[in-house]
């Protein structure tokens, strides 16, 4: 009996120590997961700081400004001199009650931005013309806003009809090098886009 009684209290501390070690291992695993989860967090979705559509004698004019931050993956690619392509697209539609709405105009603008390590500058190409910027902020200011962009001619807006504009601004991953497109397929942190639908009359 004495041996049984003396052995019993010894087993409790051992079991308690094992459970304590298991809890410590679990906490360490949770800390590791939390540590790696922070860098992979997505950046906030871009937002339209301003957006205005105006119909005038010149045609349909669009003014907009986009504010947003790149995700860590996209930012890393840019810093490694991978060219990125940003696209602004505006489509003008006319309401039709008897059939799907008619698209009467479509306008697209494409910017290419690439970091140049030798000069520590950002090169932006648009419409065949290129310009260098000393900072990323200056470069993105040039590609993320447009003033009085003509997206339709005056005659394309029919009198007595209702029209609206569908706008989309996005990072176009389909223009990246093919091997890179395969590597980032399905990764949410490469989704960078903002949309707006607005009537003009």
Protein backbone atom coordinates (compact mmCIF):
# COMPACT_ATOMS: atom_id res chain seq x y z
CA UNK A 1 0.00 0.00 0.00
CA UNK A 2 2.80 2.39 0.86
CA UNK A 3 4.41 1.97 -2.53
CA UNK A 4 1.09 2.57 -4.28
CA UNK A 5 0.39 5.67 -2.25
CA UNK A 6 3.87 7.08 -2.80
CA UNK A 7 3.75 6.49 -6.57
CA UNK A 8 0.41 8.23 -7.07
CA UNK A 9 1.45 11.81 -6.24
CA UNK A 10 4.53 11.49 -8.48
CA UNK A 11 2.43 10.72 -11.60
CA UNK A 12 0.39 13.95 -11.32
CA UNK A 13 3.31 16.36 -11.71
CA UNK A 14 4.57 14.40 -14.71
CA UNK A 15 1.20 14.57 -16.44
CA UNK A 16 0.93 18.25 -15.60
CA UNK A 17 4.39 18.90 -17.05
CA UNK A 18 3.47 17.10 -20.26
CA UNK A 19 0.30 19.12 -20.68
CA UNK A 20 2.21 22.29 -19.93
CA UNK A 21 4.76 21.49 -22.64
CA UNK A 22 1.94 20.78 -25.10
CA UNK A 23 0.37 24.16 -24.35
CA UNK A 24 3.74 25.88 -24.82
CA UNK A 25 4.25 24.17 -28.19
CA UNK A 26 0.75 25.18 -29.26
CA UNK A 27 1.35 28.81 -28.27
CA UNK A 28 4.63 28.85 -30.20
CA UNK A 29 2.87 27.49 -33.28
CA UNK A 30 0.18 30.16 -33.00
CA UNK A 31 2.81 32.88 -32.69
CA UNK A 32 4.58 31.62 -35.81
CA UNK A 33 1.30 31.59 -37.75
CA UNK A 34 0.49 35.12 -36.56
CA UNK A 35 3.98 36.33 -37.49
CA UNK A 36 3.71 35.05 -41.06
CA UNK A 37 0.12 36.15 -41.48
CA UNK A 38 0.90 39.85 -40.98
CA UNK A 39 3.16 40.33 -44.05
CA UNK A 40 0.72 38.43 -46.27
CA UNK A 41 -2.24 40.64 -45.36
CA UNK A 42 -3.82 42.32 -48.36
CA UNK A 43 -3.62 46.04 -48.81
CA UNK A 44 -6.88 47.94 -48.61
CA UNK A 45 -8.85 48.06 -51.86
CA UNK A 46 -8.30 51.23 -53.91
CA UNK A 47 -10.91 53.97 -53.66
CA UNK A 48 -12.09 56.73 -55.96
CA UNK A 49 -11.09 60.01 -54.32
CA UNK A 50 -13.04 61.90 -56.99
CA UNK A 51 -15.21 60.98 -59.95
CA UNK A 52 -17.13 63.25 -62.33
CA UNK A 53 -18.79 62.63 -65.68
CA UNK A 54 -19.89 65.65 -67.72
CA UNK A 55 -21.73 65.84 -71.04
CA UNK A 56 -20.89 68.98 -73.01
CA UNK A 57 -20.46 70.30 -76.54
CA UNK A 58 -17.04 68.61 -76.57
CA UNK A 59 -18.52 65.22 -75.80
CA UNK A 60 -18.62 63.11 -72.64
CA UNK A 61 -15.73 64.07 -70.35
CA UNK A 62 -14.50 62.04 -67.39
CA UNK A 63 -12.40 63.28 -64.47
CA UNK A 64 -11.28 60.90 -61.72
CA UNK A 65 -8.61 60.21 -59.09
CA UNK A 66 -7.80 56.84 -57.53
CA UNK A 67 -6.20 56.38 -54.13
CA UNK A 68 -4.79 53.01 -53.09
CA UNK A 69 -1.85 51.04 -51.76
CA UNK A 70 -0.16 48.12 -53.46
CA UNK A 71 -0.05 44.78 -51.68
CA UNK A 72 3.31 43.52 -50.49
CA UNK A 73 3.60 41.05 -53.40
CA UNK A 74 2.91 43.72 -56.02
CA UNK A 75 5.22 46.20 -54.32
CA UNK A 76 8.02 43.61 -54.22
CA UNK A 77 7.59 42.92 -57.92
CA UNK A 78 7.78 46.62 -58.74
CA UNK A 79 10.91 47.09 -56.62
CA UNK A 80 12.54 44.23 -58.57
CA UNK A 81 12.02 46.09 -61.87
CA UNK A 82 9.00 44.06 -63.01
CA UNK A 83 6.91 46.31 -65.31
CA UNK A 84 3.33 46.80 -64.12
CA UNK A 85 0.40 47.83 -66.29
CA UNK A 86 -2.55 49.89 -65.08
CA UNK A 87 -5.66 50.25 -67.22
CA UNK A 88 -8.52 52.75 -67.10
CA UNK A 89 -11.59 51.78 -69.11
CA UNK A 90 -14.83 53.73 -69.57
CA UNK A 91 -17.87 52.48 -71.47
CA UNK A 92 -20.90 54.56 -72.38
CA UNK A 93 -24.26 52.74 -72.55
CA UNK A 94 -27.71 53.79 -73.71
CA UNK A 95 -30.77 52.39 -71.95
CA UNK A 96 -33.03 50.16 -74.01
CA UNK A 97 -36.23 48.73 -72.53
CA UNK A 98 -36.74 46.17 -75.30
CA UNK A 99 -33.25 44.62 -75.30
CA UNK A 100 -30.01 44.74 -73.40
CA UNK A 101 -28.50 48.20 -73.12
CA UNK A 102 -26.49 49.40 -76.12
CA UNK A 103 -22.82 50.20 -75.75
CA UNK A 104 -22.23 53.33 -77.80
CA UNK A 105 -18.64 54.21 -76.85
CA UNK A 106 -15.59 52.61 -75.28
CA UNK A 107 -12.38 54.34 -74.21
CA UNK A 108 -9.25 52.72 -72.77
CA UNK A 109 -5.99 54.10 -71.40
CA UNK A 110 -2.96 51.96 -70.46
CA UNK A 111 0.06 52.99 -68.38
CA UNK A 112 3.27 51.03 -67.94
CA UNK A 113 5.34 51.71 -64.85
CA UNK A 114 8.74 50.18 -64.13
CA UNK A 115 11.43 50.87 -61.54
CA UNK A 116 14.93 51.57 -62.91
CA UNK A 117 17.52 50.50 -60.31
CA UNK A 118 20.49 52.18 -62.02
CA UNK A 119 18.94 55.64 -61.72
CA UNK A 120 16.54 54.91 -58.82
CA UNK A 121 13.71 56.40 -60.86
CA UNK A 122 10.30 55.23 -62.04
CA UNK A 123 9.60 55.25 -65.75
CA UNK A 124 6.00 55.73 -66.86
CA UNK A 125 5.01 55.04 -70.46
CA UNK A 126 1.67 56.19 -71.85
CA UNK A 127 0.60 56.49 -75.48
CA UNK A 128 4.12 55.87 -76.75
CA UNK A 129 5.63 58.63 -74.60
CA UNK A 130 7.76 58.01 -71.50
CA UNK A 131 8.67 60.14 -68.53
CA UNK A 132 10.87 59.48 -65.48
CA UNK A 133 9.85 60.32 -61.91
CA UNK A 134 12.12 60.55 -58.89
CA UNK A 135 9.66 58.93 -56.49
CA UNK A 136 6.99 56.29 -56.63
CA UNK A 137 4.44 58.77 -55.27
CA UNK A 138 5.03 61.09 -58.25
CA UNK A 139 4.82 58.21 -60.71
CA UNK A 140 1.54 56.90 -59.28
CA UNK A 141 0.06 60.37 -59.19
CA UNK A 142 0.63 60.50 -62.95
CA UNK A 143 -1.09 57.18 -63.68
CA UNK A 144 -3.95 57.21 -61.17
CA UNK A 145 -5.78 60.40 -62.13
CA UNK A 146 -7.10 61.99 -65.30
CA UNK A 147 -8.85 65.30 -66.00
CA UNK A 148 -11.42 65.90 -68.76
CA UNK A 149 -10.79 62.64 -70.59
CA UNK A 150 -13.06 62.49 -73.65
CA UNK A 151 -14.71 59.07 -73.61
CA UNK A 152 -17.41 59.77 -76.24
CA UNK A 153 -18.10 62.21 -79.04
CA UNK A 154 -21.04 64.66 -78.80
CA UNK A 155 -23.05 62.82 -81.47
CA UNK A 156 -22.86 59.53 -79.55
CA UNK A 157 -25.21 60.81 -76.85
CA UNK A 158 -28.72 60.60 -78.30
CA UNK A 159 -31.21 63.31 -77.34
CA UNK A 160 -34.14 62.03 -75.33
CA UNK A 161 -32.31 58.85 -74.26
CA UNK A 162 -30.83 57.85 -70.92
CA UNK A 163 -27.13 57.05 -70.72
CA UNK A 164 -24.70 55.85 -68.08
CA UNK A 165 -20.97 55.23 -67.79
CA UNK A 166 -19.30 52.08 -66.48
CA UNK A 167 -15.77 52.84 -65.25
CA UNK A 168 -13.03 50.42 -64.24
CA UNK A 169 -9.47 51.12 -63.11
CA UNK A 170 -7.25 48.10 -62.49
CA UNK A 171 -3.84 46.49 -62.42
CA UNK A 172 -3.88 44.33 -65.56
CA UNK A 173 -2.04 41.09 -64.78
CA UNK A 174 -2.75 39.76 -68.29
CA UNK A 175 -0.03 42.10 -69.59
CA UNK A 176 2.66 40.68 -67.28
CA UNK A 177 5.25 38.21 -68.59
CA UNK A 178 3.60 34.83 -69.20
CA UNK A 179 5.63 32.85 -66.60
CA UNK A 180 4.71 35.41 -63.97
CA UNK A 181 1.00 35.21 -64.85
CA UNK A 182 1.11 31.48 -64.09
CA UNK A 183 2.92 32.07 -60.81
CA UNK A 184 0.40 34.59 -59.47
CA UNK A 185 -2.72 32.87 -60.75
CA UNK A 186 -5.49 33.02 -58.16
CA UNK A 187 -3.56 35.18 -55.67
CA UNK A 188 -5.94 37.71 -54.15
CA UNK A 189 -3.19 40.21 -53.32
CA UNK A 190 -2.78 40.87 -57.06
CA UNK A 191 -6.38 42.03 -57.37
CA UNK A 192 -6.21 45.82 -57.59
CA UNK A 193 -9.30 47.43 -59.09
CA UNK A 194 -12.05 49.94 -58.50
CA UNK A 195 -15.35 50.34 -60.38
CA UNK A 196 -18.07 52.95 -60.65
CA UNK A 197 -21.35 53.20 -62.57
CA UNK A 198 -22.82 56.67 -63.03
CA UNK A 199 -25.63 58.15 -65.10
CA UNK A 200 -25.05 61.29 -67.14
CA UNK A 201 -28.66 62.18 -67.98
